[in-house]
Amino acid sequence: MVEIILVRHAATSWSGVRYCGISDPPLSPTGLADARRLAVSLSRDLPADVRVVSSPSRRAVATATAIVEAAHLPGVELDARWREADVGIAEGRTFDELSAIAPDVAAALARGDLEIDWPGGETHSSLAARVADAWADLVAVGRPAVVVTHAGPFMHARALGEDRPISRDDL
């Protein structure tokens, strides 16, 4: 069995405020400090042959880079399959703003639906397929890995690792 550690990138100024899929805000000062603390803690137990794989977004790369530096590892491997879902018309909007232009999507989110097809963005099945493909490649390589990703891919990867459907508990 291959050990895969999933890490959601640290906070940006948009975290918990605006939907952020393809936009690329940097880590906030708090997020950068959190990434460094996580990296130091995580680095203590990482095997020498661990890979650090990251979404190419700068918030994920900054979090992954903190891990690589703390653990004195060779570098970060970028894999676009770990990027966040393209949230289409929700991009950069608050929940209230999304409610005004896409009330059905907002209602689904408020109900806790996880299988969202984002208008003007990515479908749930597309996100699930690309994460499953990336996960299968990690397992096939057979080396331990730290994957720095986003909420959407994180949920899918965790469920894949536990061989079950995604759930709200995955966030």
Foldseek 3Di string as FASTA:
>chain_A
DAAEAEAEFFAQPCVPFADAAPDAGARDPVRLVVLLVVLLVVLVPDDQQAAEEEAPRNSLQSSSVSNCVNNVHDGYHYDNLQGGWFQAPRHGHGLVVCCVVPVVQSVCVVVVNLQDARVRTHGSVVNLVSLVVVLVVSVVVRHHYYYYHHDNSQQSNVCVVVVHHGHPVSD
